[in-house]
């Protein structure tokens, strides 16, 4: 049975689903892998303009999850092609 990609799983998520996201965090030249576990508060596709020298009509979007951790903390995770997303 093939494994669902993070984007296929993202498409099926509903608020209240419990998920685990394995993703890379980058700060400056440092990077490390981390795991975030929580309950989906909302999912959305956000438009941003983080890219240098793009056309003004060139739209760039990111898939974003807002999760509530067990401690009650809200956290936002932006998915990329290297993120691993699993329903728990």
C-alpha atoms as a PDB file:
ATOM      1  CA  UNK A   1       0.000   0.000   0.000  1.00  0.00           C
ATOM      2  CA  UNK A   2       1.595   3.337  -1.006  1.00  0.00           C
ATOM      3  CA  UNK A   3       2.347   5.889   1.687  1.00  0.00           C
ATOM      4  CA  UNK A   4       0.409   9.165   1.419  1.00  0.00           C
ATOM      5  CA  UNK A   5       2.494  12.276   0.827  1.00  0.00           C
ATOM      6  CA  UNK A   6       2.365  15.193   3.235  1.00  0.00           C
ATOM      7  CA  UNK A   7       0.207  17.142   0.766  1.00  0.00           C
ATOM      8  CA  UNK A   8      -2.299  14.293   0.366  1.00  0.00           C
ATOM      9  CA  UNK A   9      -2.561  14.030   4.151  1.00  0.00           C
ATOM     10  CA  UNK A  10      -2.833  17.839   4.444  1.00  0.00           C
ATOM     11  CA  UNK A  11      -5.803  17.832   2.054  1.00  0.00           C
ATOM     12  CA  UNK A  12      -7.738  15.398   4.282  1.00  0.00           C
ATOM     13  CA  UNK A  13      -7.077  17.127   7.628  1.00  0.00           C
ATOM     14  CA  UNK A  14      -9.911  18.562   9.690  1.00  0.00           C
ATOM     15  CA  UNK A  15      -9.815  20.653  12.888  1.00  0.00           C
ATOM     16  CA  UNK A  16      -9.481  18.257  15.822  1.00  0.00           C
ATOM     17  CA  UNK A  17      -7.244  15.743  14.005  1.00  0.00           C
ATOM     18  CA  UNK A  18      -4.081  14.825  15.907  1.00  0.00           C
ATOM     19  CA  UNK A  19      -0.928  14.931  13.774  1.00  0.00           C
ATOM     20  CA  UNK A  20       2.833  14.577  13.880  1.00  0.00           C
ATOM     21  CA  UNK A  21       5.010  16.736  11.619  1.00  0.00           C
ATOM     22  CA  UNK A  22       8.701  15.937  11.124  1.00  0.00           C
ATOM     23  CA  UNK A  23      10.287  19.018   9.600  1.00  0.00           C
ATOM     24  CA  UNK A  24      13.478  21.034   9.289  1.00  0.00           C
ATOM     25  CA  UNK A  25      13.930  24.304  11.166  1.00  0.00           C
ATOM     26  CA  UNK A  26      16.281  26.873   9.600  1.00  0.00           C
ATOM     27  CA  UNK A  27      17.640  29.926  11.385  1.00  0.00           C
ATOM     28  CA  UNK A  28      20.381  31.751   9.521  1.00  0.00           C
ATOM     29  CA  UNK A  29      22.929  29.146   8.465  1.00  0.00           C
ATOM     30  CA  UNK A  30      21.870  26.692  11.182  1.00  0.00           C
ATOM     31  CA  UNK A  31      19.352  23.932  10.547  1.00  0.00           C
ATOM     32  CA  UNK A  32      18.049  20.978  12.511  1.00  0.00           C
ATOM     33  CA  UNK A  33      15.295  18.370  12.321  1.00  0.00           C
ATOM     34  CA  UNK A  34      12.432  18.472  14.816  1.00  0.00           C
ATOM     35  CA  UNK A  35       9.094  16.808  15.467  1.00  0.00           C
ATOM     36  CA  UNK A  36       5.931  18.726  16.303  1.00  0.00           C
ATOM     37  CA  UNK A  37       2.888  16.878  17.650  1.00  0.00           C
ATOM     38  CA  UNK A  38      -0.475  18.527  18.207  1.00  0.00           C
ATOM     39  CA  UNK A  39      -4.142  18.879  17.373  1.00  0.00           C
ATOM     40  CA  UNK A  40      -5.116  20.750  14.208  1.00  0.00           C
ATOM     41  CA  UNK A  41      -6.742  24.113  14.993  1.00  0.00           C
ATOM     42  CA  UNK A  42      -6.847  25.164  11.334  1.00  0.00           C
ATOM     43  CA  UNK A  43      -5.123  24.638   8.024  1.00  0.00           C
ATOM     44  CA  UNK A  44      -4.711  27.251   5.352  1.00  0.00           C
ATOM     45  CA  UNK A  45      -2.851  28.245   2.249  1.00  0.00           C
ATOM     46  CA  UNK A  46      -1.107  31.586   2.896  1.00  0.00           C
ATOM     47  CA  UNK A  47       0.103  33.929   0.203  1.00  0.00           C
ATOM     48  CA  UNK A  48       3.485  35.505   0.830  1.00  0.00           C
ATOM     49  CA  UNK A  49       6.161  37.466  -0.961  1.00  0.00           C
ATOM     50  CA  UNK A  50       9.353  36.126   0.503  1.00  0.00           C
ATOM     51  CA  UNK A  51      11.138  35.678  -2.796  1.00  0.00           C
ATOM     52  CA  UNK A  52      13.575  38.227  -4.171  1.00  0.00           C
ATOM     53  CA  UNK A  53      12.979  39.885  -7.563  1.00  0.00           C
ATOM     54  CA  UNK A  54       9.727  38.165  -8.500  1.00  0.00           C
ATOM     55  CA  UNK A  55       7.099  39.646 -10.776  1.00  0.00           C
ATOM     56  CA  UNK A  56       4.376  41.509  -8.908  1.00  0.00           C
ATOM     57  CA  UNK A  57       1.719  39.188 -10.389  1.00  0.00           C
ATOM     58  CA  UNK A  58       3.666  35.993  -9.544  1.00  0.00           C
ATOM     59  CA  UNK A  59       1.744  34.516  -6.607  1.00  0.00           C
ATOM     60  CA  UNK A  60       3.565  32.316  -4.059  1.00  0.00           C
ATOM     61  CA  UNK A  61       1.685  30.233  -1.484  1.00  0.00           C
ATOM     62  CA  UNK A  62       2.612  28.038   1.493  1.00  0.00           C
ATOM     63  CA  UNK A  63       0.545  25.333   3.154  1.00  0.00           C
ATOM     64  CA  UNK A  64       0.320  26.113   6.884  1.00  0.00           C
ATOM     65  CA  UNK A  65      -0.957  24.160   9.894  1.00  0.00           C
ATOM     66  CA  UNK A  66      -1.879  25.834  13.178  1.00  0.00           C
ATOM     67  CA  UNK A  67      -1.534  23.210  15.931  1.00  0.00           C
ATOM     68  CA  UNK A  68      -2.373  23.165  19.626  1.00  0.00           C
ATOM     69  CA  UNK A  69       0.260  21.235  21.562  1.00  0.00           C
ATOM     70  CA  UNK A  70      -0.577  19.194  24.667  1.00  0.00           C
ATOM     71  CA  UNK A  71       0.616  22.104  26.822  1.00  0.00           C
ATOM     72  CA  UNK A  72      -2.027  24.372  25.227  1.00  0.00           C
ATOM     73  CA  UNK A  73       0.582  26.320  23.231  1.00  0.00           C
ATOM     74  CA  UNK A  74      -0.380  27.268  19.660  1.00  0.00           C
ATOM     75  CA  UNK A  75       2.282  26.755  17.017  1.00  0.00           C
ATOM     76  CA  UNK A  76       2.369  27.292  13.260  1.00  0.00           C
ATOM     77  CA  UNK A  77       4.137  24.847  10.948  1.00  0.00           C
ATOM     78  CA  UNK A  78       4.754  25.630   7.283  1.00  0.00           C
ATOM     79  CA  UNK A  79       4.954  22.503   5.148  1.00  0.00           C
ATOM     80  CA  UNK A  80       7.515  22.103   2.402  1.00  0.00           C
ATOM     81  CA  UNK A  81       8.508  19.237   0.114  1.00  0.00           C
ATOM     82  CA  UNK A  82      10.691  17.711   2.861  1.00  0.00           C
ATOM     83  CA  UNK A  83       8.053  17.724   5.633  1.00  0.00           C
ATOM     84  CA  UNK A  84       6.622  14.415   6.811  1.00  0.00           C
ATOM     85  CA  UNK A  85       3.021  14.655   8.038  1.00  0.00           C
ATOM     86  CA  UNK A  86       1.177  11.775   9.734  1.00  0.00           C
ATOM     87  CA  UNK A  87      -2.231  11.496  11.365  1.00  0.00           C
ATOM     88  CA  UNK A  88      -2.019   9.921  14.812  1.00  0.00           C
END
